[in-house]
Protein backbone atom coordinates (compact mmCIF):
# COMPACT_ATOMS: atom_id res chain seq x y z
CA MET A 1 0.00 0.00 0.00
CA ALA A 2 2.89 2.36 0.70
CA GLN A 3 3.93 2.44 -2.97
CA PHE A 4 0.49 3.87 -3.88
CA GLN A 5 0.61 6.80 -1.49
CA SER A 6 1.16 10.27 -2.84
CA ALA A 7 3.70 12.79 -1.63
CA VAL A 8 1.26 14.13 0.96
CA GLY A 9 0.53 10.65 2.30
CA GLU A 10 -2.94 10.15 0.84
CA ALA A 11 -3.95 7.08 -1.10
CA PRO A 12 -5.11 7.60 -4.73
CA ALA A 13 -8.67 6.69 -3.71
CA ALA A 14 -8.79 9.81 -1.54
CA HIS A 15 -7.88 11.97 -4.53
CA SER A 16 -10.52 10.25 -6.65
CA ARG A 17 -13.12 10.79 -3.95
CA LEU A 18 -12.16 14.47 -3.66
CA PHE A 19 -12.38 14.85 -7.45
CA GLY A 20 -15.79 13.18 -7.40
CA ASP A 21 -17.02 15.43 -4.60
CA ILE A 22 -15.85 18.55 -6.44
CA ILE A 23 -17.45 17.41 -9.69
CA TRP A 24 -20.74 16.62 -7.93
CA VAL A 25 -20.81 20.09 -6.36
CA LEU A 26 -20.02 21.68 -9.74
CA PHE A 27 -22.81 19.65 -11.36
CA ILE A 28 -25.30 20.81 -8.72
CA ALA A 29 -24.11 24.40 -9.20
CA SER A 30 -24.57 24.10 -12.97
CA GLN A 31 -28.07 22.74 -12.44
CA ALA A 32 -28.90 25.61 -10.10
CA ALA A 33 -27.54 28.14 -12.60
CA ASP A 34 -29.52 26.52 -15.40
CA GLY A 35 -32.65 26.51 -13.25
CA VAL A 36 -32.33 30.22 -12.46
CA CYS A 37 -31.53 31.17 -16.05
CA THR A 38 -34.33 29.01 -17.43
CA TYR A 39 -36.81 30.44 -14.95
CA LEU A 40 -35.84 33.99 -15.89
CA GLY A 41 -35.89 33.18 -19.60
CA LEU A 42 -39.28 31.52 -19.49
CA ARG A 43 -40.75 34.36 -17.44
CA LEU A 44 -39.35 36.96 -19.84
CA PHE A 45 -39.83 35.24 -23.20
CA GLY A 46 -42.56 32.68 -22.54
CA ILE A 47 -42.72 28.94 -22.15
CA GLY A 48 -42.27 28.50 -25.89
CA MET A 49 -38.57 29.27 -25.37
CA GLU A 50 -38.07 25.98 -23.51
CA GLY A 51 -36.20 23.55 -25.73
CA ASN A 52 -37.31 20.45 -23.85
CA PRO A 53 -40.94 19.68 -24.76
CA LEU A 54 -41.50 17.66 -21.59
CA ILE A 55 -40.37 20.55 -19.39
CA GLY A 56 -42.48 22.90 -21.52
CA TRP A 57 -45.54 20.73 -20.96
CA TYR A 58 -44.88 20.52 -17.22
CA ALA A 59 -44.37 24.30 -17.08
CA THR A 60 -47.66 24.87 -18.88
CA THR A 61 -49.52 22.37 -16.71
CA PHE A 62 -47.98 22.89 -13.26
CA GLY A 63 -46.15 26.20 -13.53
CA ILE A 64 -42.60 27.16 -14.34
CA GLY A 65 -41.30 26.89 -10.78
CA ALA A 66 -42.74 23.43 -10.15
CA ALA A 67 -41.54 22.12 -13.51
CA LEU A 68 -37.99 23.37 -13.08
CA THR A 69 -37.76 22.32 -9.44
CA SER A 70 -38.87 18.79 -10.33
CA ALA A 71 -36.46 18.55 -13.25
CA LYS A 72 -33.52 19.83 -11.21
CA LEU A 73 -34.29 17.50 -8.29
CA LEU A 74 -34.39 14.57 -10.71
CA ALA A 75 -31.07 15.66 -12.22
CA ALA A 76 -29.52 16.02 -8.75
CA SER A 77 -30.77 12.56 -7.78
CA CYS A 78 -29.32 11.00 -10.91
CA ALA A 79 -26.05 12.84 -10.30
CA ALA A 80 -25.95 11.55 -6.73
CA PHE A 81 -26.36 8.01 -8.06
CA LEU A 82 -23.54 8.50 -10.57
CA HIS A 83 -21.37 9.94 -7.82
CA CYS A 84 -22.09 7.03 -5.47
CA VAL A 85 -21.18 4.44 -8.09
CA GLY A 86 -17.97 6.28 -8.94
CA ARG A 87 -18.87 7.54 -12.41
CA HIS A 88 -17.06 10.82 -11.85
CA MET A 89 -15.86 11.33 -15.41
CA THR A 90 -19.41 10.81 -16.68
CA LEU A 91 -20.60 13.41 -14.20
CA ALA A 92 -17.78 15.75 -15.23
CA SER A 93 -18.77 15.37 -18.89
CA LEU A 94 -22.41 16.09 -18.08
CA THR A 95 -21.37 19.17 -16.11
CA VAL A 96 -19.43 20.56 -19.06
CA LEU A 97 -22.28 19.67 -21.40
CA TYR A 98 -24.78 21.53 -19.21
CA LEU A 99 -22.56 24.57 -18.87
CA LEU A 100 -21.96 24.80 -22.61
CA GLY A 101 -25.35 23.61 -23.86
CA ALA A 102 -27.75 25.13 -21.35
CA VAL A 103 -26.22 27.76 -19.10
CA TRP A 104 -24.08 29.53 -21.71
CA PRO A 105 -26.92 30.02 -24.25
CA TRP A 106 -29.23 31.39 -21.56
CA THR A 107 -26.59 33.82 -20.32
CA GLN A 108 -26.05 35.04 -23.88
CA LEU A 109 -29.78 35.57 -24.33
CA LEU A 110 -30.48 37.11 -20.92
CA TRP A 111 -27.35 39.27 -20.60
CA PRO A 112 -26.14 40.16 -24.11
């Protein structure tokens, strides 16, 4: 086991766990940012701006807040599962995808 310890005395698993924790927090932050931006965008421009038809239907039926809260809680639950099973790179990829594909476009539209 000693040959696998880093210079600071931590095993590689500790670094992997730290990486996973950081990625999970970043994913949750990206979901929160997307939720806020989507809420603002849908309130300003209408529900027709929502690119996901299922979220659009939920927003029309139950309200924007309920639809986005439900979607973000589901995303956080799925992310927690991925984190628990050690799929940190998958979670990291999804975080980048959300930042580039959801948060960035909303920020460009809301704050040109």
